[in-house]
Amino acid sequence: AMKRANGIITDEGGVTCHAAIVSRELGIPCVVGTGDATSII
């Protein structure tokens, strides 16, 4: 699913978490550690 996405946003994580590593390798913009993305977007 990440491969199909234009970008990734997560509630948790740092710059070396799973989302960050895979996003960089796929060349997909990613923002992690927002704390509340799933509840407010």
ModelCIF file with pLDDT and N, C-alpha, C, O atoms, coordinates in Angstrom:
data_MODEL
#
_entry.id   MODEL 
#
_entity.id                         1 
_entity.type                       polymer 
_entity.pdbx_number_of_molecules   1 
#
_entity_poly.entity_id                      1 
_entity_poly.type                           'polypeptide(L)' 
_entity_poly.nstd_linkage                   no 
_entity_poly.nstd_monomer                   no 
_entity_poly.pdbx_seq_one_letter_code       AMKRANGIITDEGGVTCHAAIVSRELGIPCVVGTGDATSII 
_entity_poly.pdbx_seq_one_letter_code_can   AMKRANGIITDEGGVTCHAAIVSRELGIPCVVGTGDATSII 
_entity_poly.pdbx_strand_id                 A 
#
loop_
_entity_poly_seq.entity_id 
_entity_poly_seq.num 
_entity_poly_seq.mon_id 
_entity_poly_seq.hetero 
1 1  ALA n 
1 2  MET n 
1 3  LYS n 
1 4  ARG n 
1 5  ALA n 
1 6  ASN n 
1 7  GLY n 
1 8  ILE n 
1 9  ILE n 
1 10 THR n 
1 11 ASP n 
1 12 GLU n 
1 13 GLY n 
1 14 GLY n 
1 15 VAL n 
1 16 THR n 
1 17 CYS n 
1 18 HIS n 
1 19 ALA n 
1 20 ALA n 
1 21 ILE n 
1 22 VAL n 
1 23 SER n 
1 24 ARG n 
1 25 GLU n 
1 26 LEU n 
1 27 GLY n 
1 28 ILE n 
1 29 PRO n 
1 30 CYS n 
1 31 VAL n 
1 32 VAL n 
1 33 GLY n 
1 34 THR n 
1 35 GLY n 
1 36 ASP n 
1 37 ALA n 
1 38 THR n 
1 39 SER n 
1 40 ILE n 
1 41 ILE n 
#
_struct_asym.id          A 
_struct_asym.entity_id   1 
#
loop_
_ma_qa_metric.id 
_ma_qa_metric.mode 
_ma_qa_metric.name 
_ma_qa_metric.software_group_id 
_ma_qa_metric.type 
1 global pLDDT . pLDDT 
2 local  pLDDT . pLDDT 
#
_ma_qa_metric_global.metric_id      1 
_ma_qa_metric_global.metric_value   82.34 
_ma_qa_metric_global.model_id       1 
_ma_qa_metric_global.ordinal_id     1 
#
loop_
_ma_qa_metric_local.label_asym_id 
_ma_qa_metric_local.label_comp_id 
_ma_qa_metric_local.label_seq_id 
_ma_qa_metric_local.metric_id 
_ma_qa_metric_local.metric_value 
_ma_qa_metric_local.model_id 
_ma_qa_metric_local.ordinal_id 
A ALA 1  2 86.00 1 1  
A MET 2  2 89.00 1 2  
A LYS 3  2 86.00 1 3  
A ARG 4  2 90.00 1 4  
A ALA 5  2 94.00 1 5  
A ASN 6  2 94.00 1 6  
A GLY 7  2 95.00 1 7  
A ILE 8  2 96.00 1 8  
A ILE 9  2 96.00 1 9  
A THR 10 2 91.00 1 10 
A ASP 11 2 86.00 1 11 
A GLU 12 2 75.00 1 12 
A GLY 13 2 66.00 1 13 
A GLY 14 2 58.00 1 14 
A VAL 15 2 53.00 1 15 
A THR 16 2 48.00 1 16 
A CYS 17 2 61.00 1 17 
A HIS 18 2 71.00 1 18 
A ALA 19 2 80.00 1 19 
A ALA 20 2 75.00 1 20 
A ILE 21 2 67.00 1 21 
A VAL 22 2 79.00 1 22 
A SER 23 2 84.00 1 23 
A ARG 24 2 73.00 1 24 
A GLU 25 2 70.00 1 25 
A LEU 26 2 80.00 1 26 
A GLY 27 2 82.00 1 27 
A ILE 28 2 90.00 1 28 
A PRO 29 2 92.00 1 29 
A CYS 30 2 91.00 1 30 
A VAL 31 2 90.00 1 31 
A VAL 32 2 81.00 1 32 
A GLY 33 2 79.00 1 33 
A THR 34 2 86.00 1 34 
A GLY 35 2 82.00 1 35 
A ASP 36 2 88.00 1 36 
A ALA 37 2 93.00 1 37 
A THR 38 2 94.00 1 38 
A SER 39 2 94.00 1 39 
A ILE 40 2 95.00 1 40 
A ILE 41 2 96.00 1 41 
#
loop_
_atom_site.group_PDB 
_atom_site.id 
_atom_site.type_symbol 
_atom_site.label_atom_id 
_atom_site.label_alt_id 
_atom_site.label_comp_id 
_atom_site.label_asym_id 
_atom_site.label_entity_id 
_atom_site.label_seq_id 
_atom_site.pdbx_PDB_ins_code 
_atom_site.Cartn_x 
_atom_site.Cartn_y 
_atom_site.Cartn_z 
_atom_site.occupancy 
_atom_site.B_iso_or_equiv 
_atom_site.pdbx_formal_charge 
_atom_site.auth_seq_id 
_atom_site.auth_comp_id 
_atom_site.auth_asym_id 
_atom_site.auth_atom_id 
_atom_site.pdbx_PDB_model_num 
ATOM 1   N N  . ALA A 1 1  ? 0.830  -1.206 0.000  1.00 86.00 ? 1  ALA A N  1 
ATOM 2   C CA . ALA A 1 1  ? 0.000  0.000  0.000  1.00 86.00 ? 1  ALA A CA 1 
ATOM 3   C C  . ALA A 1 1  ? 0.866  1.258  0.000  1.00 86.00 ? 1  ALA A C  1 
ATOM 4   O O  . ALA A 1 1  ? 0.504  2.267  -0.605 1.00 86.00 ? 1  ALA A O  1 
ATOM 5   N N  . MET A 1 2  ? 2.003  1.194  0.677  1.00 89.00 ? 2  MET A N  1 
ATOM 6   C CA . MET A 1 2  ? 2.913  2.346  0.704  1.00 89.00 ? 2  MET A CA 1 
ATOM 7   C C  . MET A 1 2  ? 3.415  2.665  -0.704 1.00 89.00 ? 2  MET A C  1 
ATOM 8   O O  . MET A 1 2  ? 3.588  3.829  -1.066 1.00 89.00 ? 2  MET A O  1 
ATOM 9   N N  . LYS A 1 3  ? 3.644  1.621  -1.485 1.00 86.00 ? 3  LYS A N  1 
ATOM 10  C CA . LYS A 1 3  ? 4.122  1.821  -2.859 1.00 86.00 ? 3  LYS A CA 1 
ATOM 11  C C  . LYS A 1 3  ? 3.101  2.563  -3.705 1.00 86.00 ? 3  LYS A C  1 
ATOM 12  O O  . LYS A 1 3  ? 3.464  3.292  -4.628 1.00 86.00 ? 3  LYS A O  1 
ATOM 13  N N  . ARG A 1 4  ? 1.821  2.377  -3.390 1.00 90.00 ? 4  ARG A N  1 
ATOM 14  C CA . ARG A 1 4  ? 0.776  3.046  -4.173 1.00 90.00 ? 4  ARG A CA 1 
ATOM 15  C C  . ARG A 1 4  ? 0.578  4.497  -3.731 1.00 90.00 ? 4  ARG A C  1 
ATOM 16  O O  . ARG A 1 4  ? 0.031  5.309  -4.477 1.00 90.00 ? 4  ARG A O  1 
ATOM 17  N N  . ALA A 1 5  ? 1.020  4.814  -2.532 1.00 94.00 ? 5  ALA A N  1 
ATOM 18  C CA . ALA A 1 5  ? 0.732  6.129  -1.954 1.00 94.00 ? 5  ALA A CA 1 
ATOM 19  C C  . ALA A 1 5  ? 1.649  7.219  -2.495 1.00 94.00 ? 5  ALA A C  1 
ATOM 20  O O  . ALA A 1 5  ? 2.775  6.959  -2.919 1.00 94.00 ? 5  ALA A O  1 
ATOM 21  N N  . ASN A 1 6  ? 1.137  8.439  -2.468 1.00 94.00 ? 6  ASN A N  1 
ATOM 22  C CA . ASN A 1 6  ? 1.936  9.614  -2.805 1.00 94.00 ? 6  ASN A CA 1 
ATOM 23  C C  . ASN A 1 6  ? 2.766  10.074 -1.621 1.00 94.00 ? 6  ASN A C  1 
ATOM 24  O O  . ASN A 1 6  ? 3.830  10.668 -1.793 1.00 94.00 ? 6  ASN A O  1 
ATOM 25  N N  . GLY A 1 7  ? 2.271  9.795  -0.405 1.00 95.00 ? 7  GLY A N  1 
ATOM 26  C CA . GLY A 1 7  ? 2.963  10.239 0.799  1.00 95.00 ? 7  GLY A CA 1 
ATOM 27  C C  . GLY A 1 7  ? 2.474  9.461  2.008  1.00 95.00 ? 7  GLY A C  1 
ATOM 28  O O  . GLY A 1 7  ? 1.417  8.831  1.973  1.00 95.00 ? 7  GLY A O  1 
ATOM 29  N N  . ILE A 1 8  ? 3.255  9.514  3.074  1.00 96.00 ? 8  ILE A N  1 
ATOM 30  C CA . ILE A 1 8  ? 2.955  8.771  4.299  1.00 96.00 ? 8  ILE A CA 1 
ATOM 31  C C  . ILE A 1 8  ? 2.945  9.742  5.481  1.00 96.00 ? 8  ILE A C  1 
ATOM 32  O O  . ILE A 1 8  ? 3.810  10.612 5.582  1.00 96.00 ? 8  ILE A O  1 
ATOM 33  N N  . ILE A 1 9  ? 1.960  9.589  6.377  1.00 96.00 ? 9  ILE A N  1 
ATOM 34  C CA . ILE A 1 9  ? 1.899  10.372 7.617  1.00 96.00 ? 9  ILE A CA 1 
ATOM 35  C C  . ILE A 1 9  ? 1.628  9.397  8.755  1.00 96.00 ? 9  ILE A C  1 
ATOM 36  O O  . ILE A 1 9  ? 0.721  8.571  8.650  1.00 96.00 ? 9  ILE A O  1 
ATOM 37  N N  . THR A 1 10 ? 2.399  9.477  9.846  1.00 91.00 ? 10 THR A N  1 
ATOM 38  C CA . THR A 1 10 ? 2.185  8.578  10.977 1.00 91.00 ? 10 THR A CA 1 
ATOM 39  C C  . THR A 1 10 ? 2.041  9.361  12.284 1.00 91.00 ? 10 THR A C  1 
ATOM 40  O O  . THR A 1 10 ? 2.494  10.500 12.398 1.00 91.00 ? 10 THR A O  1 
ATOM 41  N N  . ASP A 1 11 ? 1.404  8.726  13.257 1.00 86.00 ? 11 ASP A N  1 
ATOM 42  C CA . ASP A 1 11 ? 1.286  9.307  14.600 1.00 86.00 ? 11 ASP A CA 1 
ATOM 43  C C  . ASP A 1 11 ? 2.598  9.178  15.363 1.00 86.00 ? 11 ASP A C  1 
ATOM 44  O O  . ASP A 1 11 ? 3.009  10.096 16.072 1.00 86.00 ? 11 ASP A O  1 
ATOM 45  N N  . GLU A 1 12 ? 3.245  8.038  15.210 1.00 75.00 ? 12 GLU A N  1 
ATOM 46  C CA . GLU A 1 12 ? 4.409  7.713  16.016 1.00 75.00 ? 12 GLU A CA 1 
ATOM 47  C C  . GLU A 1 12 ? 5.654  7.645  15.151 1.00 75.00 ? 12 GLU A C  1 
ATOM 48  O O  . GLU A 1 12 ? 5.601  7.779  13.928 1.00 75.00 ? 12 GLU A O  1 
ATOM 49  N N  . GLY A 1 13 ? 6.790  7.429  15.832 1.00 66.00 ? 13 GLY A N  1 
ATOM 50  C CA . GLY A 1 13 ? 8.025  7.140  15.115 1.00 66.00 ? 13 GLY A CA 1 
ATOM 51  C C  . GLY A 1 13 ? 9.004  8.285  15.027 1.00 66.00 ? 13 GLY A C  1 
ATOM 52  O O  . GLY A 1 13 ? 8.648  9.453  15.182 1.00 66.00 ? 13 GLY A O  1 
ATOM 53  N N  . GLY A 1 14 ? 10.242 7.923  14.777 1.00 58.00 ? 14 GLY A N  1 
ATOM 54  C CA . GLY A 1 14 ? 11.321 8.879  14.559 1.00 58.00 ? 14 GLY A CA 1 
ATOM 55  C C  . GLY A 1 14 ? 11.853 8.746  13.148 1.00 58.00 ? 14 GLY A C  1 
ATOM 56  O O  . GLY A 1 14 ? 11.271 8.038  12.327 1.00 58.00 ? 14 GLY A O  1 
ATOM 57  N N  . VAL A 1 15 ? 12.955 9.422  12.857 1.00 53.00 ? 15 VAL A N  1 
ATOM 58  C CA . VAL A 1 15 ? 13.455 9.481  11.479 1.00 53.00 ? 15 VAL A CA 1 
ATOM 59  C C  . VAL A 1 15 ? 14.108 8.183  11.023 1.00 53.00 ? 15 VAL A C  1 
ATOM 60  O O  . VAL A 1 15 ? 14.506 8.069  9.864  1.00 53.00 ? 15 VAL A O  1 
ATOM 61  N N  . THR A 1 16 ? 14.223 7.214  11.907 1.00 48.00 ? 16 THR A N  1 
ATOM 62  C CA . THR A 1 16 ? 14.765 5.922  11.478 1.00 48.00 ? 16 THR A CA 1 
ATOM 63  C C  . THR A 1 16 ? 13.757 4.793  11.689 1.00 48.00 ? 16 THR A C  1 
ATOM 64  O O  . THR A 1 16 ? 14.143 3.625  11.728 1.00 48.00 ? 16 THR A O  1 
ATOM 65  N N  . CYS A 1 17 ? 12.486 5.119  11.823 1.00 61.00 ? 17 CYS A N  1 
ATOM 66  C CA . CYS A 1 17 ? 11.461 4.086  12.002 1.00 61.00 ? 17 CYS A CA 1 
ATOM 67  C C  . CYS A 1 17 ? 11.145 3.414  10.661 1.00 61.00 ? 17 CYS A C  1 
ATOM 68  O O  . CYS A 1 17 ? 11.672 3.799  9.617  1.00 61.00 ? 17 CYS A O  1 
ATOM 69  N N  . HIS A 1 18 ? 10.288 2.419  10.713 1.00 71.00 ? 18 HIS A N  1 
ATOM 70  C CA . HIS A 1 18 ? 9.936  1.664  9.509  1.00 71.00 ? 18 HIS A CA 1 
ATOM 71  C C  . HIS A 1 18 ? 9.406  2.573  8.406  1.00 71.00 ? 18 HIS A C  1 
ATOM 72  O O  . HIS A 1 18 ? 9.851  2.492  7.262  1.00 71.00 ? 18 HIS A O  1 
ATOM 73  N N  . ALA A 1 19 ? 8.464  3.428  8.748  1.00 80.00 ? 19 ALA A N  1 
ATOM 74  C CA . ALA A 1 19 ? 7.860  4.314  7.745  1.00 80.00 ? 19 ALA A CA 1 
ATOM 75  C C  . ALA A 1 19 ? 8.909  5.187  7.083  1.00 80.00 ? 19 ALA A C  1 
ATOM 76  O O  . ALA A 1 19 ? 8.868  5.403  5.871  1.00 80.00 ? 19 ALA A O  1 
ATOM 77  N N  . ALA A 1 20 ? 9.854  5.694  7.877  1.00 75.00 ? 20 ALA A N  1 
ATOM 78  C CA . ALA A 1 20 ? 10.880 6.586  7.350  1.00 75.00 ? 20 ALA A CA 1 
ATOM 79  C C  . ALA A 1 20 ? 11.820 5.851  6.400  1.00 75.00 ? 20 ALA A C  1 
ATOM 80  O O  . ALA A 1 20 ? 12.117 6.341  5.311  1.00 75.00 ? 20 ALA A O  1 
ATOM 81  N N  . ILE A 1 21 ? 12.286 4.676  6.816  1.00 67.00 ? 21 ILE A N  1 
ATOM 82  C CA . ILE A 1 21 ? 13.238 3.913  5.999  1.00 67.00 ? 21 ILE A CA 1 
ATOM 83  C C  . ILE A 1 21 ? 12.627 3.529  4.657  1.00 67.00 ? 21 ILE A C  1 
ATOM 84  O O  . ILE A 1 21 ? 13.230 3.741  3.605  1.00 67.00 ? 21 ILE A O  1 
ATOM 85  N N  . VAL A 1 22 ? 11.426 2.963  4.703  1.00 79.00 ? 22 VAL A N  1 
ATOM 86  C CA . VAL A 1 22 ? 10.785 2.512  3.463  1.00 79.00 ? 22 VAL A CA 1 
ATOM 87  C C  . VAL A 1 22 ? 10.442 3.699  2.567  1.00 79.00 ? 22 VAL A C  1 
ATOM 88  O O  . VAL A 1 22 ? 10.631 3.632  1.352  1.00 79.00 ? 22 VAL A O  1 
ATOM 89  N N  . SER A 1 23 ? 9.943  4.781  3.153  1.00 84.00 ? 23 SER A N  1 
ATOM 90  C CA . SER A 1 23 ? 9.569  5.954  2.360  1.00 84.00 ? 23 SER A CA 1 
ATOM 91  C C  . SER A 1 23 ? 10.777 6.534  1.633  1.00 84.00 ? 23 SER A C  1 
ATOM 92  O O  . SER A 1 23 ? 10.690 6.903  0.461  1.00 84.00 ? 23 SER A O  1 
ATOM 93  N N  . ARG A 1 24 ? 11.903 6.611  2.337  1.00 73.00 ? 24 ARG A N  1 
ATOM 94  C CA . ARG A 1 24 ? 13.104 7.144  1.681  1.00 73.00 ? 24 ARG A CA 1 
ATOM 95  C C  . ARG A 1 24 ? 13.537 6.256  0.527  1.00 73.00 ? 24 ARG A C  1 
ATOM 96  O O  . ARG A 1 24 ? 13.937 6.743  -0.530 1.00 73.00 ? 24 ARG A O  1 
ATOM 97  N N  . GLU A 1 25 ? 13.455 4.962  0.736  1.00 70.00 ? 25 GLU A N  1 
ATOM 98  C CA . GLU A 1 25 ? 13.872 4.054  -0.330 1.00 70.00 ? 25 GLU A CA 1 
ATOM 99  C C  . GLU A 1 25 ? 12.934 4.125  -1.531 1.00 70.00 ? 25 GLU A C  1 
ATOM 100 O O  . GLU A 1 25 ? 13.376 4.006  -2.674 1.00 70.00 ? 25 GLU A O  1 
ATOM 101 N N  . LEU A 1 26 ? 11.647 4.319  -1.277 1.00 80.00 ? 26 LEU A N  1 
ATOM 102 C CA . LEU A 1 26 ? 10.671 4.417  -2.361 1.00 80.00 ? 26 LEU A CA 1 
ATOM 103 C C  . LEU A 1 26 ? 10.635 5.815  -2.984 1.00 80.00 ? 26 LEU A C  1 
ATOM 104 O O  . LEU A 1 26 ? 10.032 6.018  -4.037 1.00 80.00 ? 26 LEU A O  1 
ATOM 105 N N  . GLY A 1 27 ? 11.283 6.769  -2.323 1.00 82.00 ? 27 GLY A N  1 
ATOM 106 C CA . GLY A 1 27 ? 11.235 8.148  -2.819 1.00 82.00 ? 27 GLY A CA 1 
ATOM 107 C C  . GLY A 1 27 ? 9.907  8.817  -2.559 1.00 82.00 ? 27 GLY A C  1 
ATOM 108 O O  . GLY A 1 27 ? 9.475  9.664  -3.342 1.00 82.00 ? 27 GLY A O  1 
ATOM 109 N N  . ILE A 1 28 ? 9.240  8.445  -1.452 1.00 90.00 ? 28 ILE A N  1 
ATOM 110 C CA . ILE A 1 28 ? 7.931  8.991  -1.111 1.00 90.00 ? 28 ILE A CA 1 
ATOM 111 C C  . ILE A 1 28 ? 8.085  9.964  0.061  1.00 90.00 ? 28 ILE A C  1 
ATOM 112 O O  . ILE A 1 28 ? 8.702  9.601  1.063  1.00 90.00 ? 28 ILE A O  1 
ATOM 113 N N  . PRO A 1 29 ? 7.552  11.175 -0.026 1.00 92.00 ? 29 PRO A N  1 
ATOM 114 C CA . PRO A 1 29 ? 7.595  12.095 1.118  1.00 92.00 ? 29 PRO A CA 1 
ATOM 115 C C  . PRO A 1 29 ? 6.902  11.489 2.337  1.00 92.00 ? 29 PRO A C  1 
ATOM 116 O O  . PRO A 1 29 ? 5.890  10.800 2.211  1.00 92.00 ? 29 PRO A O  1 
ATOM 117 N N  . CYS A 1 30 ? 7.458  11.754 3.513  1.00 91.00 ? 30 CYS A N  1 
ATOM 118 C CA . CYS A 1 30 ? 6.924  11.143 4.730  1.00 91.00 ? 30 CYS A CA 1 
ATOM 119 C C  . CYS A 1 30 ? 7.090  12.072 5.920  1.00 91.00 ? 30 CYS A C  1 
ATOM 120 O O  . CYS A 1 30 ? 8.134  12.703 6.086  1.00 91.00 ? 30 CYS A O  1 
ATOM 121 N N  . VAL A 1 31 ? 6.048  12.154 6.752  1.00 90.00 ? 31 VAL A N  1 
ATOM 122 C CA . VAL A 1 31 ? 6.087  12.890 8.016  1.00 90.00 ? 31 VAL A CA 1 
ATOM 123 C C  . VAL A 1 31 ? 5.709  11.908 9.117  1.00 90.00 ? 31 VAL A C  1 
ATOM 124 O O  . VAL A 1 31 ? 4.658  11.270 9.043  1.00 90.00 ? 31 VAL A O  1 
ATOM 125 N N  . VAL A 1 32 ? 6.555  11.780 10.138 1.00 81.00 ? 32 VAL A N  1 
ATOM 126 C CA . VAL A 1 32 ? 6.290  10.842 11.225 1.00 81.00 ? 32 VAL A CA 1 
ATOM 127 C C  . VAL A 1 32 ? 6.163  11.584 12.553 1.00 81.00 ? 32 VAL A C  1 
ATOM 128 O O  . VAL A 1 32 ? 6.499  12.764 12.651 1.00 81.00 ? 32 VAL A O  1 
ATOM 129 N N  . GLY A 1 33 ? 5.675  10.881 13.567 1.00 79.00 ? 33 GLY A N  1 
ATOM 130 C CA . GLY A 1 33 ? 5.644  11.427 14.921 1.00 79.00 ? 33 GLY A CA 1 
ATOM 131 C C  . GLY A 1 33 ? 4.737  12.624 15.114 1.00 79.00 ? 33 GLY A C  1 
ATOM 132 O O  . GLY A 1 33 ? 5.033  13.494 15.934 1.00 79.00 ? 33 GLY A O  1 
ATOM 133 N N  . THR A 1 34 ? 3.623  12.690 14.366 1.00 86.00 ? 34 THR A N  1 
ATOM 134 C CA . THR A 1 34 ? 2.712  13.827 14.538 1.00 86.00 ? 34 THR A CA 1 
ATOM 135 C C  . THR A 1 34 ? 1.935  13.734 15.839 1.00 86.00 ? 34 THR A C  1 
ATOM 136 O O  . THR A 1 34 ? 1.514  14.753 16.386 1.00 86.00 ? 34 THR A O  1 
ATOM 137 N N  . GLY A 1 35 ? 1.741  12.517 16.339 1.00 82.00 ? 35 GLY A N  1 
ATOM 138 C CA . GLY A 1 35 ? 1.011  12.323 17.584 1.00 82.00 ? 35 GLY A CA 1 
ATOM 139 C C  . GLY A 1 35 ? -0.492 12.234 17.428 1.00 82.00 ? 35 GLY A C  1 
ATOM 140 O O  . GLY A 1 35 ? -1.166 11.602 18.240 1.00 82.00 ? 35 GLY A O  1 
ATOM 141 N N  . ASP A 1 36 ? -1.032 12.874 16.373 1.00 88.00 ? 36 ASP A N  1 
ATOM 142 C CA . ASP A 1 36 ? -2.498 12.949 16.298 1.00 88.00 ? 36 ASP A CA 1 
ATOM 143 C C  . ASP A 1 36 ? -3.075 12.850 14.888 1.00 88.00 ? 36 ASP A C  1 
ATOM 144 O O  . ASP A 1 36 ? -4.277 13.047 14.711 1.00 88.00 ? 36 ASP A O  1 
ATOM 145 N N  . ALA A 1 37 ? -2.264 12.553 13.895 1.00 93.00 ? 37 ALA A N  1 
ATOM 146 C CA . ALA A 1 37 ? -2.743 12.589 12.508 1.00 93.00 ? 37 ALA A CA 1 
ATOM 147 C C  . ALA A 1 37 ? -3.969 11.711 12.285 1.00 93.00 ? 37 ALA A C  1 
ATOM 148 O O  . ALA A 1 37 ? -4.919 12.131 11.624 1.00 93.00 ? 37 ALA A O  1 
ATOM 149 N N  . THR A 1 38 ? -3.955 10.503 12.829 1.00 94.00 ? 38 THR A N  1 
ATOM 150 C CA . THR A 1 38 ? -5.077 9.585  12.576 1.00 94.00 ? 38 THR A CA 1 
ATOM 151 C C  . THR A 1 38 ? -6.375 10.061 13.220 1.00 94.00 ? 38 THR A C  1 
ATOM 152 O O  . THR A 1 38 ? -7.459 9.650  12.807 1.00 94.00 ? 38 THR A O  1 
ATOM 153 N N  . SER A 1 39 ? -6.271 10.924 14.227 1.00 94.00 ? 39 SER A N  1 
ATOM 154 C CA . SER A 1 39 ? -7.484 11.362 14.927 1.00 94.00 ? 39 SER A CA 1 
ATOM 155 C C  . SER A 1 39 ? -8.000 12.711 14.449 1.00 94.00 ? 39 SER A C  1 
ATOM 156 O O  . SER A 1 39 ? -9.182 13.012 14.620 1.00 94.00 ? 39 SER A O  1 
ATOM 157 N N  . ILE A 1 40 ? -7.131 13.534 13.848 1.00 95.00 ? 40 ILE A N  1 
ATOM 158 C CA . ILE A 1 40 ? -7.599 14.876 13.472 1.00 95.00 ? 40 ILE A CA 1 
ATOM 159 C C  . ILE A 1 40 ? -7.720 15.108 11.970 1.00 95.00 ? 40 ILE A C  1 
ATOM 160 O O  . ILE A 1 40 ? -8.356 16.074 11.549 1.00 95.00 ? 40 ILE A O  1 
ATOM 161 N N  . ILE A 1 41 ? -7.123 14.241 11.155 1.00 96.00 ? 41 ILE A N  1 
ATOM 162 C CA . ILE A 1 41 ? -7.244 14.412 9.698  1.00 96.00 ? 41 ILE A CA 1 
ATOM 163 C C  . ILE A 1 41 ? -8.439 13.598 9.208  1.00 96.00 ? 41 ILE A C  1 
ATOM 164 O O  . ILE A 1 41 ? -8.733 13.592 8.013  1.00 96.00 ? 41 ILE A O  1 
#
